[in-house]
Amino acid sequence: MTVLKQTWSWDGVVGESLIFDSQDTKSMNDEELIAFINNNWVEVIGQATFKRDQNGYCFVNFNLVTY
């Protein structure tokens, strides 16, 4: 499984994202995907947002902090 990890700052928010190929995550619901991330990549603290787009990617944004 290929994953892109980003750390970003935008419009007063700092956060992290993991971007997956949607085919790799299609069998997981949001809770299962968070558990998978926590067990294999990084610790997700607080709420996460999910976006599965029409281009075949699944974006998971997490560890969001406003400034």
PDB file of N, CA and C in Angstrom:
ATOM      1  N   MET A   1       0.851  -1.176   0.000  1.00  0.00           N
ATOM      2  CA  MET A   1       0.000   0.000   0.000  1.00  0.00           C
ATOM      3  C   MET A   1       0.892   1.234   0.000  1.00  0.00           C
ATOM      4  N   THR A   2       0.617   2.136  -0.912  1.00  0.00           N
ATOM      5  CA  THR A   2       1.338   3.391  -0.995  1.00  0.00           C
ATOM      6  C   THR A   2       0.519   4.484  -0.326  1.00  0.00           C
ATOM      7  N   VAL A   3       1.183   5.274   0.519  1.00  0.00           N
ATOM      8  CA  VAL A   3       0.511   6.343   1.259  1.00  0.00           C
ATOM      9  C   VAL A   3       1.382   7.593   1.185  1.00  0.00           C
ATOM     10  N   LEU A   4       0.746   8.733   0.978  1.00  0.00           N
ATOM     11  CA  LEU A   4       1.440  10.015   1.029  1.00  0.00           C
ATOM     12  C   LEU A   4       1.061  10.696   2.337  1.00  0.00           C
ATOM     13  N   LYS A   5       2.067  11.125   3.121  1.00  0.00           N
ATOM     14  CA  LYS A   5       1.817  11.840   4.366  1.00  0.00           C
ATOM     15  C   LYS A   5       2.198  13.297   4.169  1.00  0.00           C
ATOM     16  N   GLN A   6       1.297  14.189   4.577  1.00  0.00           N
ATOM     17  CA  GLN A   6       1.553  15.615   4.482  1.00  0.00           C
ATOM     18  C   GLN A   6       1.334  16.279   5.837  1.00  0.00           C
ATOM     19  N   THR A   7       2.158  17.264   6.133  1.00  0.00           N
ATOM     20  CA  THR A   7       1.921  18.181   7.243  1.00  0.00           C
ATOM     21  C   THR A   7       1.704  19.541   6.592  1.00  0.00           C
ATOM     22  N   TRP A   8       0.665  20.247   7.028  1.00  0.00           N
ATOM     23  CA  TRP A   8       0.287  21.472   6.325  1.00  0.00           C
ATOM     24  C   TRP A   8      -0.229  22.539   7.277  1.00  0.00           C
ATOM     25  N   SER A   9      -0.270  23.750   6.767  1.00  0.00           N
ATOM     26  CA  SER A   9      -0.833  24.904   7.469  1.00  0.00           C
ATOM     27  C   SER A   9      -1.655  25.672   6.450  1.00  0.00           C
ATOM     28  N   TRP A  10      -2.925  25.911   6.784  1.00  0.00           N
ATOM     29  CA  TRP A  10      -3.805  26.581   5.833  1.00  0.00           C
ATOM     30  C   TRP A  10      -4.926  27.282   6.572  1.00  0.00           C
ATOM     31  N   ASP A  11      -5.094  28.549   6.326  1.00  0.00           N
ATOM     32  CA  ASP A  11      -6.221  29.337   6.822  1.00  0.00           C
ATOM     33  C   ASP A  11      -6.397  29.218   8.344  1.00  0.00           C
ATOM     34  N   GLY A  12      -5.282  29.310   9.080  1.00  0.00           N
ATOM     35  CA  GLY A  12      -5.347  29.275  10.535  1.00  0.00           C
ATOM     36  C   GLY A  12      -5.413  27.889  11.150  1.00  0.00           C
ATOM     37  N   VAL A  13      -5.188  26.861  10.355  1.00  0.00           N
ATOM     38  CA  VAL A  13      -5.223  25.484  10.859  1.00  0.00           C
ATOM     39  C   VAL A  13      -3.942  24.777  10.451  1.00  0.00           C
ATOM     40  N   VAL A  14      -3.336  24.051  11.391  1.00  0.00           N
ATOM     41  CA  VAL A  14      -2.198  23.178  11.119  1.00  0.00           C
ATOM     42  C   VAL A  14      -2.712  21.757  11.272  1.00  0.00           C
ATOM     43  N   GLY A  15      -2.315  20.881  10.382  1.00  0.00           N
ATOM     44  CA  GLY A  15      -2.778  19.500  10.468  1.00  0.00           C
ATOM     45  C   GLY A  15      -1.896  18.558   9.683  1.00  0.00           C
ATOM     46  N   GLU A  16      -2.309  17.311   9.696  1.00  0.00           N
ATOM     47  CA  GLU A  16      -1.627  16.261   8.956  1.00  0.00           C
ATOM     48  C   GLU A  16      -2.654  15.550   8.093  1.00  0.00           C
ATOM     49  N   SER A  17      -2.181  14.999   6.996  1.00  0.00           N
ATOM     50  CA  SER A  17      -3.046  14.218   6.112  1.00  0.00           C
ATOM     51  C   SER A  17      -2.316  12.964   5.674  1.00  0.00           C
ATOM     52  N   LEU A  18      -3.074  11.897   5.532  1.00  0.00           N
ATOM     53  CA  LEU A  18      -2.609  10.704   4.837  1.00  0.00           C
ATOM     54  C   LEU A  18      -3.503  10.558   3.620  1.00  0.00           C
ATOM     55  N   ILE A  19      -2.891  10.310   2.477  1.00  0.00           N
ATOM     56  CA  ILE A  19      -3.642  10.185   1.234  1.00  0.00           C
ATOM     57  C   ILE A  19      -3.412   8.781   0.691  1.00  0.00           C
ATOM     58  N   PHE A  20      -4.510   8.060   0.537  1.00  0.00           N
ATOM     59  CA  PHE A  20      -4.491   6.674   0.084  1.00  0.00           C
ATOM     60  C   PHE A  20      -5.129   6.567  -1.293  1.00  0.00           C
ATOM     61  N   ASP A  21      -4.795   5.525  -2.023  1.00  0.00           N
ATOM     62  CA  ASP A  21      -5.576   5.129  -3.187  1.00  0.00           C
ATOM     63  C   ASP A  21      -6.890   4.568  -2.637  1.00  0.00           C
ATOM     64  N   SER A  22      -8.010   5.051  -3.118  1.00  0.00           N
ATOM     65  CA  SER A  22      -9.316   4.620  -2.592  1.00  0.00           C
ATOM     66  C   SER A  22      -9.511   3.114  -2.675  1.00  0.00           C
ATOM     67  N   GLN A  23      -8.916   2.483  -3.670  1.00  0.00           N
ATOM     68  CA  GLN A  23      -9.042   1.022  -3.790  1.00  0.00           C
ATOM     69  C   GLN A  23      -8.436   0.308  -2.586  1.00  0.00           C
ATOM     70  N   ASP A  24      -7.395   0.890  -1.994  1.00  0.00           N
ATOM     71  CA  ASP A  24      -6.733   0.278  -0.840  1.00  0.00           C
ATOM     72  C   ASP A  24      -7.560   0.380   0.432  1.00  0.00           C
ATOM     73  N   THR A  25      -8.511   1.304   0.468  1.00  0.00           N
ATOM     74  CA  THR A  25      -9.289   1.538   1.693  1.00  0.00           C
ATOM     75  C   THR A  25     -10.772   1.228   1.529  1.00  0.00           C
ATOM     76  N   LYS A  26     -11.178   0.746   0.362  1.00  0.00           N
ATOM     77  CA  LYS A  26     -12.606   0.585   0.093  1.00  0.00           C
ATOM     78  C   LYS A  26     -13.294  -0.415   1.014  1.00  0.00           C
ATOM     79  N   SER A  27     -12.566  -1.349   1.593  1.00  0.00           N
ATOM     80  CA  SER A  27     -13.182  -2.332   2.486  1.00  0.00           C
ATOM     81  C   SER A  27     -13.259  -1.849   3.941  1.00  0.00           C
ATOM     82  N   MET A  28     -12.739  -0.636   4.230  1.00  0.00           N
ATOM     83  CA  MET A  28     -12.728  -0.114   5.595  1.00  0.00           C
ATOM     84  C   MET A  28     -13.692   1.056   5.744  1.00  0.00           C
ATOM     85  N   ASN A  29     -14.462   1.048   6.847  1.00  0.00           N
ATOM     86  CA  ASN A  29     -15.246   2.238   7.165  1.00  0.00           C
ATOM     87  C   ASN A  29     -14.320   3.226   7.883  1.00  0.00           C
ATOM     88  N   ASP A  30     -14.832   4.389   8.249  1.00  0.00           N
ATOM     89  CA  ASP A  30     -13.987   5.430   8.843  1.00  0.00           C
ATOM     90  C   ASP A  30     -13.304   4.971  10.123  1.00  0.00           C
ATOM     91  N   GLU A  31     -14.033   4.283  10.988  1.00  0.00           N
ATOM     92  CA  GLU A  31     -13.458   3.823  12.260  1.00  0.00           C
ATOM     93  C   GLU A  31     -12.355   2.794  12.017  1.00  0.00           C
ATOM     94  N   GLU A  32     -12.576   1.890  11.086  1.00  0.00           N
ATOM     95  CA  GLU A  32     -11.563   0.881  10.771  1.00  0.00           C
ATOM     96  C   GLU A  32     -10.326   1.521  10.150  1.00  0.00           C
ATOM     97  N   LEU A  33     -10.532   2.540   9.339  1.00  0.00           N
ATOM     98  CA  LEU A  33      -9.401   3.232   8.729  1.00  0.00           C
ATOM     99  C   LEU A  33      -8.566   3.955   9.784  1.00  0.00           C
ATOM    100  N   ILE A  34      -9.211   4.595  10.754  1.00  0.00           N
ATOM    101  CA  ILE A  34      -8.475   5.251  11.851  1.00  0.00           C
ATOM    102  C   ILE A  34      -7.691   4.212  12.648  1.00  0.00           C
ATOM    103  N   ALA A  35      -8.299   3.071  12.945  1.00  0.00           N
ATOM    104  CA  ALA A  35      -7.589   2.015  13.675  1.00  0.00           C
ATOM    105  C   ALA A  35      -6.378   1.535  12.869  1.00  0.00           C
ATOM    106  N   PHE A  36      -6.543   1.376  11.568  1.00  0.00           N
ATOM    107  CA  PHE A  36      -5.447   0.957  10.692  1.00  0.00           C
ATOM    108  C   PHE A  36      -4.315   1.989  10.721  1.00  0.00           C
ATOM    109  N   ILE A  37      -4.670   3.254  10.645  1.00  0.00           N
ATOM    110  CA  ILE A  37      -3.660   4.325  10.695  1.00  0.00           C
ATOM    111  C   ILE A  37      -2.931   4.301  12.033  1.00  0.00           C
ATOM    112  N   ASN A  38      -3.681   4.196  13.140  1.00  0.00           N
ATOM    113  CA  ASN A  38      -3.068   4.177  14.467  1.00  0.00           C
ATOM    114  C   ASN A  38      -2.127   2.985  14.640  1.00  0.00           C
ATOM    115  N   ASN A  39      -2.454   1.861  14.062  1.00  0.00           N
ATOM    116  CA  ASN A  39      -1.632   0.653  14.200  1.00  0.00           C
ATOM    117  C   ASN A  39      -0.434   0.615  13.263  1.00  0.00           C
ATOM    118  N   ASN A  40      -0.473   1.392  12.168  1.00  0.00           N
ATOM    119  CA  ASN A  40       0.560   1.256  11.146  1.00  0.00           C
ATOM    120  C   ASN A  40       1.316   2.529  10.789  1.00  0.00           C
ATOM    121  N   TRP A  41       0.767   3.700  11.098  1.00  0.00           N
ATOM    122  CA  TRP A  41       1.394   4.920  10.601  1.00  0.00           C
ATOM    123  C   TRP A  41       1.691   5.910  11.712  1.00  0.00           C
ATOM    124  N   VAL A  42       0.673   6.575  12.211  1.00  0.00           N
ATOM    125  CA  VAL A  42       0.826   7.612  13.232  1.00  0.00           C
ATOM    126  C   VAL A  42      -0.377   7.564  14.157  1.00  0.00           C
ATOM    127  N   GLU A  43      -0.275   8.242  15.287  1.00  0.00           N
ATOM    128  CA  GLU A  43      -1.405   8.326  16.206  1.00  0.00           C
ATOM    129  C   GLU A  43      -2.314   9.484  15.803  1.00  0.00           C
ATOM    130  N   VAL A  44      -3.578   9.161  15.589  1.00  0.00           N
ATOM    131  CA  VAL A  44      -4.572  10.172  15.284  1.00  0.00           C
ATOM    132  C   VAL A  44      -5.127  10.689  16.602  1.00  0.00           C
ATOM    133  N   ILE A  45      -4.950  11.983  16.858  1.00  0.00           N
ATOM    134  CA  ILE A  45      -5.419  12.601  18.094  1.00  0.00           C
ATOM    135  C   ILE A  45      -6.626  13.467  17.748  1.00  0.00           C
ATOM    136  N   GLY A  46      -7.709  13.290  18.479  1.00  0.00           N
ATOM    137  CA  GLY A  46      -8.914  14.085  18.230  1.00  0.00           C
ATOM    138  C   GLY A  46      -9.669  13.597  17.013  1.00  0.00           C
ATOM    139  N   GLN A  47     -10.459  14.503  16.459  1.00  0.00           N
ATOM    140  CA  GLN A  47     -11.290  14.153  15.314  1.00  0.00           C
ATOM    141  C   GLN A  47     -10.482  14.109  14.027  1.00  0.00           C
ATOM    142  N   ALA A  48     -11.001  13.356  13.089  1.00  0.00           N
ATOM    143  CA  ALA A  48     -10.419  13.289  11.755  1.00  0.00           C
ATOM    144  C   ALA A  48     -11.521  13.578  10.740  1.00  0.00           C
ATOM    145  N   THR A  49     -11.121  14.094   9.594  1.00  0.00           N
ATOM    146  CA  THR A  49     -12.061  14.287   8.498  1.00  0.00           C
ATOM    147  C   THR A  49     -11.649  13.368   7.359  1.00  0.00           C
ATOM    148  N   PHE A  50     -12.630  12.960   6.579  1.00  0.00           N
ATOM    149  CA  PHE A  50     -12.413  12.016   5.493  1.00  0.00           C
ATOM    150  C   PHE A  50     -12.998  12.586   4.211  1.00  0.00           C
ATOM    151  N   LYS A  51     -12.277  12.384   3.111  1.00  0.00           N
ATOM    152  CA  LYS A  51     -12.818  12.754   1.809  1.00  0.00           C
ATOM    153  C   LYS A  51     -12.366  11.707   0.808  1.00  0.00           C
ATOM    154  N   ARG A  52     -13.333  11.109   0.176  1.00  0.00           N
ATOM    155  CA  ARG A  52     -13.052  10.165  -0.911  1.00  0.00           C
ATOM    156  C   ARG A  52     -13.483  10.856  -2.198  1.00  0.00           C
ATOM    157  N   ASP A  53     -12.504  11.212  -3.021  1.00  0.00           N
ATOM    158  CA  ASP A  53     -12.833  12.035  -4.183  1.00  0.00           C
ATOM    159  C   ASP A  53     -13.056  11.209  -5.448  1.00  0.00           C
ATOM    160  N   GLN A  54     -13.461  11.885  -6.501  1.00  0.00           N
ATOM    161  CA  GLN A  54     -13.780  11.231  -7.771  1.00  0.00           C
ATOM    162  C   GLN A  54     -12.539  10.823  -8.555  1.00  0.00           C
ATOM    163  N   ASN A  55     -11.370  11.284  -8.115  1.00  0.00           N
ATOM    164  CA  ASN A  55     -10.123  10.929  -8.795  1.00  0.00           C
ATOM    165  C   ASN A  55      -9.486   9.666  -8.239  1.00  0.00           C
ATOM    166  N   GLY A  56     -10.148   9.032  -7.260  1.00  0.00           N
ATOM    167  CA  GLY A  56      -9.651   7.765  -6.746  1.00  0.00           C
ATOM    168  C   GLY A  56      -8.767   7.860  -5.525  1.00  0.00           C
ATOM    169  N   TYR A  57      -8.884   8.974  -4.773  1.00  0.00           N
ATOM    170  CA  TYR A  57      -8.065   9.134  -3.574  1.00  0.00           C
ATOM    171  C   TYR A  57      -8.930   9.244  -2.331  1.00  0.00           C
ATOM    172  N   CYS A  58      -8.380   8.785  -1.224  1.00  0.00           N
ATOM    173  CA  CYS A  58      -9.021   8.906   0.085  1.00  0.00           C
ATOM    174  C   CYS A  58      -8.103   9.758   0.954  1.00  0.00           C
ATOM    175  N   PHE A  59      -8.606  10.915   1.384  1.00  0.00           N
ATOM    176  CA  PHE A  59      -7.856  11.842   2.223  1.00  0.00           C
ATOM    177  C   PHE A  59      -8.329  11.701   3.662  1.00  0.00           C
ATOM    178  N   VAL A  60      -7.395  11.524   4.579  1.00  0.00           N
ATOM    179  CA  VAL A  60      -7.708  11.506   6.010  1.00  0.00           C
ATOM    180  C   VAL A  60      -6.913  12.644   6.626  1.00  0.00           C
ATOM    181  N   ASN A  61      -7.621  13.646   7.152  1.00  0.00           N
ATOM    182  CA  ASN A  61      -6.998  14.807   7.794  1.00  0.00           C
ATOM    183  C   ASN A  61      -7.176  14.657   9.303  1.00  0.00           C
ATOM    184  N   PHE A  62      -6.110  14.926  10.063  1.00  0.00           N
ATOM    185  CA  PHE A  62      -6.148  14.661  11.498  1.00  0.00           C
ATOM    186  C   PHE A  62      -5.143  15.528  12.221  1.00  0.00           C
ATOM    187  N   ASN A  63      -5.164  15.437  13.560  1.00  0.00           N
ATOM    188  CA  ASN A  63      -4.276  16.221  14.434  1.00  0.00           C
ATOM    189  C   ASN A  63      -4.351  17.703  14.073  1.00  0.00           C
ATOM    190  N   LEU A  64      -5.591  18.179  13.937  1.00  0.00           N
ATOM    191  CA  LEU A  64      -5.853  19.552  13.534  1.00  0.00           C
ATOM    192  C   LEU A  64      -5.761  20.485  14.734  1.00  0.00           C
ATOM    193  N   VAL A  65      -5.023  21.596  14.554  1.00  0.00           N
ATOM    194  CA  VAL A  65      -4.856  22.599  15.594  1.00  0.00           C
ATOM    195  C   VAL A  65      -5.072  23.960  14.960  1.00  0.00           C
ATOM    196  N   THR A  66      -5.913  24.782  15.588  1.00  0.00           N
ATOM    197  CA  THR A  66      -6.115  26.142  15.081  1.00  0.00           C
ATOM    198  C   THR A  66      -5.140  27.089  15.771  1.00  0.00           C
ATOM    199  N   TYR A  67      -4.758  28.140  15.083  1.00  0.00           N
ATOM    200  CA  TYR A  67      -3.854  29.149  15.658  1.00  0.00           C
ATOM    201  C   TYR A  67      -4.347  30.526  15.350  1.00  0.00           C
TER     202      TYR A  67
END
